[in-house]
Amino acid sequence: MNESFKALADPTRRQIIRLLREKDRSAGEIAEYFKMSKPSISHHLNALKHAGLVQDERHGQFIMYSLNATVLEEVLGWLLELTGTGKQNEPEVHFNKEAEEK
């Protein structure tokens, strides 16, 4: 999950996520929304892919990118749990064992 948060820390990557939420897109289609080079867009897509937030699939000569909803839901679930609005799936961790025993 650390890689997911690292990838989501970048505003360009968050915008790419928003674009892919609407529909699957090729790198060229994504690049049309930004004033940066295609290699820079590829770098951002690779970071999102490495974090598991985006998947790619070849369609002829194009590679189509789509959201990996499973990883996104996991991140969102953790954030909701942190705020107290989500369901807790993991038991609470007690860091001070001595204080717990007293």
N, C-alpha and C. Protein backbone atom coordinates (compact mmCIF):
# COMPACT_ATOMS: atom_id res chain seq x y z
N MET A 1 0.83 -1.19 0.00
CA MET A 1 0.00 0.00 0.00
C MET A 1 0.87 1.26 0.00
N ASN A 2 2.10 1.16 0.48
CA ASN A 2 2.99 2.33 0.49
C ASN A 2 3.21 2.87 -0.91
N GLU A 3 3.39 1.96 -1.88
CA GLU A 3 3.59 2.39 -3.27
C GLU A 3 2.36 3.12 -3.80
N SER A 4 1.19 2.69 -3.36
CA SER A 4 -0.05 3.34 -3.80
C SER A 4 -0.09 4.78 -3.29
N PHE A 5 0.22 4.98 -2.02
CA PHE A 5 0.20 6.33 -1.46
C PHE A 5 1.27 7.21 -2.11
N LYS A 6 2.43 6.63 -2.36
CA LYS A 6 3.51 7.37 -3.03
C LYS A 6 3.06 7.81 -4.42
N ALA A 7 2.41 6.91 -5.15
CA ALA A 7 1.94 7.24 -6.50
C ALA A 7 0.84 8.30 -6.45
N LEU A 8 -0.05 8.20 -5.47
CA LEU A 8 -1.16 9.14 -5.37
C LEU A 8 -0.75 10.51 -4.84
N ALA A 9 0.46 10.62 -4.34
CA ALA A 9 0.94 11.90 -3.81
C ALA A 9 1.16 12.93 -4.93
N ASP A 10 1.29 12.47 -6.15
CA ASP A 10 1.56 13.36 -7.27
C ASP A 10 0.26 13.83 -7.92
N PRO A 11 0.06 15.15 -8.09
CA PRO A 11 -1.19 15.65 -8.67
C PRO A 11 -1.45 15.20 -10.10
N THR A 12 -0.40 15.02 -10.88
CA THR A 12 -0.59 14.53 -12.26
C THR A 12 -1.15 13.12 -12.24
N ARG A 13 -0.65 12.30 -11.35
CA ARG A 13 -1.13 10.91 -11.26
C ARG A 13 -2.57 10.86 -10.76
N ARG A 14 -2.91 11.76 -9.85
CA ARG A 14 -4.30 11.80 -9.39
C ARG A 14 -5.22 12.20 -10.54
N GLN A 15 -4.76 13.11 -11.39
CA GLN A 15 -5.58 13.51 -12.54
C GLN A 15 -5.71 12.35 -13.53
N ILE A 16 -4.65 11.58 -13.72
CA ILE A 16 -4.72 10.41 -14.59
C ILE A 16 -5.76 9.42 -14.04
N ILE A 17 -5.76 9.23 -12.73
CA ILE A 17 -6.76 8.35 -12.09
C ILE A 17 -8.17 8.85 -12.40
N ARG A 18 -8.37 10.16 -12.30
CA ARG A 18 -9.70 10.74 -12.60
C ARG A 18 -10.10 10.45 -14.05
N LEU A 19 -9.14 10.61 -14.97
CA LEU A 19 -9.43 10.35 -16.39
C LEU A 19 -9.79 8.89 -16.62
N LEU A 20 -9.07 7.99 -15.96
CA LEU A 20 -9.32 6.56 -16.15
C LEU A 20 -10.59 6.11 -15.43
N ARG A 21 -11.04 6.90 -14.48
CA ARG A 21 -12.30 6.59 -13.81
C ARG A 21 -13.45 6.70 -14.81
N GLU A 22 -13.33 7.65 -15.74
CA GLU A 22 -14.36 7.86 -16.75
C GLU A 22 -14.39 6.71 -17.77
N LYS A 23 -13.20 6.33 -18.26
CA LYS A 23 -13.11 5.25 -19.25
C LYS A 23 -11.65 4.86 -19.44
N ASP A 24 -11.43 3.69 -20.03
CA ASP A 24 -10.08 3.24 -20.36
C ASP A 24 -9.54 4.15 -21.46
N ARG A 25 -8.24 4.42 -21.41
CA ARG A 25 -7.63 5.31 -22.40
C ARG A 25 -6.23 4.82 -22.76
N SER A 26 -5.78 5.22 -23.93
CA SER A 26 -4.39 4.95 -24.34
C SER A 26 -3.51 6.05 -23.76
N ALA A 27 -2.20 5.83 -23.79
CA ALA A 27 -1.27 6.84 -23.29
C ALA A 27 -1.40 8.13 -24.08
N GLY A 28 -1.62 8.01 -25.39
CA GLY A 28 -1.79 9.19 -26.23
C GLY A 28 -3.03 9.99 -25.86
N GLU A 29 -4.12 9.29 -25.57
CA GLU A 29 -5.35 9.98 -25.15
C GLU A 29 -5.14 10.68 -23.81
N ILE A 30 -4.42 10.04 -22.92
CA ILE A 30 -4.15 10.65 -21.61
C ILE A 30 -3.26 11.87 -21.79
N ALA A 31 -2.25 11.77 -22.64
CA ALA A 31 -1.31 12.86 -22.86
C ALA A 31 -1.99 14.12 -23.39
N GLU A 32 -3.11 13.97 -24.09
CA GLU A 32 -3.83 15.13 -24.63
C GLU A 32 -4.32 16.09 -23.53
N TYR A 33 -4.45 15.59 -22.33
CA TYR A 33 -4.98 16.40 -21.23
C TYR A 33 -3.88 17.16 -20.47
N PHE A 34 -2.63 16.94 -20.84
CA PHE A 34 -1.51 17.52 -20.09
C PHE A 34 -0.57 18.29 -21.00
N LYS A 35 0.08 19.29 -20.44
CA LYS A 35 1.09 20.04 -21.16
C LYS A 35 2.47 19.52 -20.74
N MET A 36 2.73 18.28 -21.09
CA MET A 36 4.03 17.67 -20.80
C MET A 36 4.31 16.64 -21.89
N SER A 37 5.54 16.19 -21.93
CA SER A 37 5.95 15.26 -22.98
C SER A 37 5.33 13.87 -22.77
N LYS A 38 5.24 13.14 -23.86
CA LYS A 38 4.71 11.77 -23.77
C LYS A 38 5.59 10.86 -22.90
N PRO A 39 6.92 11.02 -22.95
CA PRO A 39 7.74 10.23 -22.03
C PRO A 39 7.43 10.53 -20.55
N SER A 40 7.10 11.78 -20.26
CA SER A 40 6.73 12.13 -18.87
C SER A 40 5.43 11.44 -18.47
N ILE A 41 4.47 11.42 -19.39
CA ILE A 41 3.20 10.72 -19.13
C ILE A 41 3.47 9.24 -18.91
N SER A 42 4.34 8.66 -19.75
CA SER A 42 4.70 7.25 -19.59
C SER A 42 5.30 6.98 -18.22
N HIS A 43 6.13 7.90 -17.75
CA HIS A 43 6.73 7.76 -16.42
C HIS A 43 5.64 7.71 -15.35
N HIS A 44 4.66 8.60 -15.45
CA HIS A 44 3.57 8.62 -14.47
C HIS A 44 2.73 7.35 -14.57
N LEU A 45 2.46 6.90 -15.78
CA LEU A 45 1.68 5.67 -15.96
C LEU A 45 2.43 4.47 -15.39
N ASN A 46 3.73 4.43 -15.57
CA ASN A 46 4.52 3.33 -15.01
C ASN A 46 4.51 3.34 -13.49
N ALA A 47 4.55 4.54 -12.90
CA ALA A 47 4.48 4.63 -11.43
C ALA A 47 3.13 4.13 -10.93
N LEU A 48 2.06 4.50 -11.61
CA LEU A 48 0.72 4.03 -11.23
C LEU A 48 0.59 2.52 -11.43
N LYS A 49 1.19 2.03 -12.51
CA LYS A 49 1.16 0.59 -12.77
C LYS A 49 1.96 -0.17 -11.72
N HIS A 50 3.14 0.34 -11.38
CA HIS A 50 3.98 -0.29 -10.36
C HIS A 50 3.26 -0.34 -9.01
N ALA A 51 2.46 0.68 -8.73
CA ALA A 51 1.71 0.74 -7.47
C ALA A 51 0.46 -0.14 -7.52
N GLY A 52 0.15 -0.68 -8.68
CA GLY A 52 -1.02 -1.54 -8.81
C GLY A 52 -2.32 -0.79 -9.01
N LEU A 53 -2.25 0.52 -9.18
CA LEU A 53 -3.45 1.33 -9.32
C LEU A 53 -4.00 1.31 -10.75
N VAL A 54 -3.14 0.98 -11.71
CA VAL A 54 -3.50 1.00 -13.12
C VAL A 54 -3.05 -0.31 -13.75
N GLN A 55 -3.85 -0.80 -14.68
CA GLN A 55 -3.50 -1.99 -15.44
C GLN A 55 -3.40 -1.59 -16.91
N ASP A 56 -2.60 -2.33 -17.65
CA ASP A 56 -2.52 -2.07 -19.08
C ASP A 56 -2.78 -3.34 -19.87
N GLU A 57 -3.33 -3.16 -21.06
CA GLU A 57 -3.62 -4.29 -21.93
C GLU A 57 -3.45 -3.84 -23.38
N ARG A 58 -2.74 -4.65 -24.13
CA ARG A 58 -2.48 -4.32 -25.53
C ARG A 58 -3.73 -4.60 -26.37
N HIS A 59 -4.09 -3.59 -27.17
CA HIS A 59 -5.18 -3.71 -28.15
C HIS A 59 -4.60 -3.30 -29.50
N GLY A 60 -4.15 -4.27 -30.27
CA GLY A 60 -3.50 -3.96 -31.54
C GLY A 60 -2.21 -3.22 -31.28
N GLN A 61 -2.08 -2.04 -31.88
CA GLN A 61 -0.84 -1.27 -31.69
C GLN A 61 -0.91 -0.35 -30.48
N PHE A 62 -2.04 -0.29 -29.81
CA PHE A 62 -2.21 0.58 -28.65
C PHE A 62 -2.18 -0.21 -27.35
N ILE A 63 -1.73 0.45 -26.31
CA ILE A 63 -1.84 -0.10 -24.96
C ILE A 63 -2.89 0.72 -24.25
N MET A 64 -3.93 0.04 -23.79
CA MET A 64 -5.02 0.72 -23.10
C MET A 64 -4.82 0.60 -21.59
N TYR A 65 -5.00 1.70 -20.91
CA TYR A 65 -4.84 1.76 -19.46
C TYR A 65 -6.21 1.83 -18.80
N SER A 66 -6.35 1.12 -17.69
CA SER A 66 -7.59 1.13 -16.94
C SER A 66 -7.27 1.12 -15.45
N LEU A 67 -8.24 1.54 -14.66
CA LEU A 67 -8.07 1.54 -13.21
C LEU A 67 -8.11 0.12 -12.68
N ASN A 68 -7.32 -0.14 -11.67
CA ASN A 68 -7.41 -1.39 -10.93
C ASN A 68 -8.23 -1.07 -9.68
N ALA A 69 -9.53 -1.25 -9.78
CA ALA A 69 -10.45 -0.85 -8.72
C ALA A 69 -10.16 -1.57 -7.41
N THR A 70 -9.64 -2.78 -7.47
CA THR A 70 -9.37 -3.54 -6.24
C THR A 70 -8.37 -2.81 -5.35
N VAL A 71 -7.27 -2.36 -5.93
CA VAL A 71 -6.25 -1.66 -5.14
C VAL A 71 -6.78 -0.31 -4.68
N LEU A 72 -7.50 0.38 -5.53
CA LEU A 72 -8.08 1.67 -5.16
C LEU A 72 -9.06 1.51 -4.00
N GLU A 73 -9.87 0.47 -4.03
CA GLU A 73 -10.82 0.20 -2.94
C GLU A 73 -10.08 -0.12 -1.64
N GLU A 74 -8.97 -0.83 -1.74
CA GLU A 74 -8.17 -1.16 -0.56
C GLU A 74 -7.63 0.11 0.09
N VAL A 75 -7.11 1.02 -0.73
CA VAL A 75 -6.59 2.29 -0.21
C VAL A 75 -7.72 3.10 0.41
N LEU A 76 -8.83 3.19 -0.28
CA LEU A 76 -9.98 3.93 0.23
C LEU A 76 -10.50 3.33 1.53
N GLY A 77 -10.56 2.01 1.59
CA GLY A 77 -11.00 1.33 2.81
C GLY A 77 -10.10 1.66 3.98
N TRP A 78 -8.80 1.69 3.73
CA TRP A 78 -7.87 2.02 4.81
C TRP A 78 -8.09 3.45 5.28
N LEU A 79 -8.28 4.37 4.33
CA LEU A 79 -8.51 5.77 4.70
C LEU A 79 -9.81 5.92 5.50
N LEU A 80 -10.86 5.25 5.08
CA LEU A 80 -12.12 5.31 5.81
C LEU A 80 -11.98 4.72 7.20
N GLU A 81 -11.24 3.64 7.31
CA GLU A 81 -10.98 3.03 8.61
C GLU A 81 -10.23 4.01 9.52
N LEU A 82 -9.28 4.69 8.94
CA LEU A 82 -8.47 5.66 9.69
C LEU A 82 -9.33 6.80 10.23
N THR A 83 -10.30 7.22 9.45
CA THR A 83 -11.17 8.32 9.88
C THR A 83 -12.30 7.84 10.79
N GLY A 84 -12.44 6.54 10.94
CA GLY A 84 -13.47 6.00 11.81
C GLY A 84 -14.81 5.83 11.12
N THR A 85 -14.86 6.04 9.81
CA THR A 85 -16.12 5.90 9.09
C THR A 85 -16.22 4.57 8.35
N GLY A 86 -15.13 3.85 8.29
CA GLY A 86 -15.13 2.57 7.57
C GLY A 86 -15.17 1.40 8.52
N LYS A 87 -15.27 0.21 7.95
CA LYS A 87 -15.30 -1.01 8.74
C LYS A 87 -13.87 -1.43 9.05
N GLN A 88 -13.63 -1.82 10.28
CA GLN A 88 -12.29 -2.26 10.65
C GLN A 88 -12.15 -3.74 10.33
N ASN A 89 -11.18 -4.06 9.49
CA ASN A 89 -10.93 -5.44 9.11
C ASN A 89 -9.80 -6.06 9.92
N GLU A 90 -8.93 -5.22 10.44
CA GLU A 90 -7.78 -5.71 11.18
C GLU A 90 -7.91 -5.32 12.64
N PRO A 91 -7.43 -6.18 13.55
CA PRO A 91 -7.49 -5.81 14.96
C PRO A 91 -6.56 -4.63 15.24
N GLU A 92 -6.91 -3.86 16.26
CA GLU A 92 -6.05 -2.74 16.63
C GLU A 92 -4.72 -3.27 17.15
N VAL A 93 -3.67 -2.55 16.85
CA VAL A 93 -2.33 -2.93 17.29
C VAL A 93 -1.99 -2.13 18.53
N HIS A 94 -1.52 -2.81 19.54
CA HIS A 94 -1.10 -2.14 20.77
C HIS A 94 0.42 -2.09 20.78
N PHE A 95 0.96 -0.89 20.78
CA PHE A 95 2.40 -0.73 20.65
C PHE A 95 3.12 -0.81 21.99
N ASN A 96 2.45 -0.49 23.06
CA ASN A 96 3.08 -0.51 24.37
C ASN A 96 2.56 -1.69 25.16
N LYS A 97 3.24 -2.82 25.07
CA LYS A 97 2.82 -4.05 25.69
C LYS A 97 2.80 -3.92 27.21
N GLU A 98 3.77 -3.22 27.81
CA GLU A 98 3.82 -3.07 29.26
C GLU A 98 2.61 -2.30 29.79
N ALA A 99 2.22 -1.26 29.11
CA ALA A 99 1.08 -0.45 29.54
C ALA A 99 -0.21 -1.28 29.45
N GLU A 100 -0.29 -2.17 28.47
CA GLU A 100 -1.47 -3.00 28.30
C GLU A 100 -1.62 -4.00 29.43
N GLU A 101 -0.48 -4.51 29.96
CA GLU A 101 -0.51 -5.54 31.01
C GLU A 101 -0.81 -4.96 32.38
N LYS A 102 -0.64 -3.65 32.59
CA LYS A 102 -0.84 -3.04 33.91
C LYS A 102 -2.27 -2.84 34.25
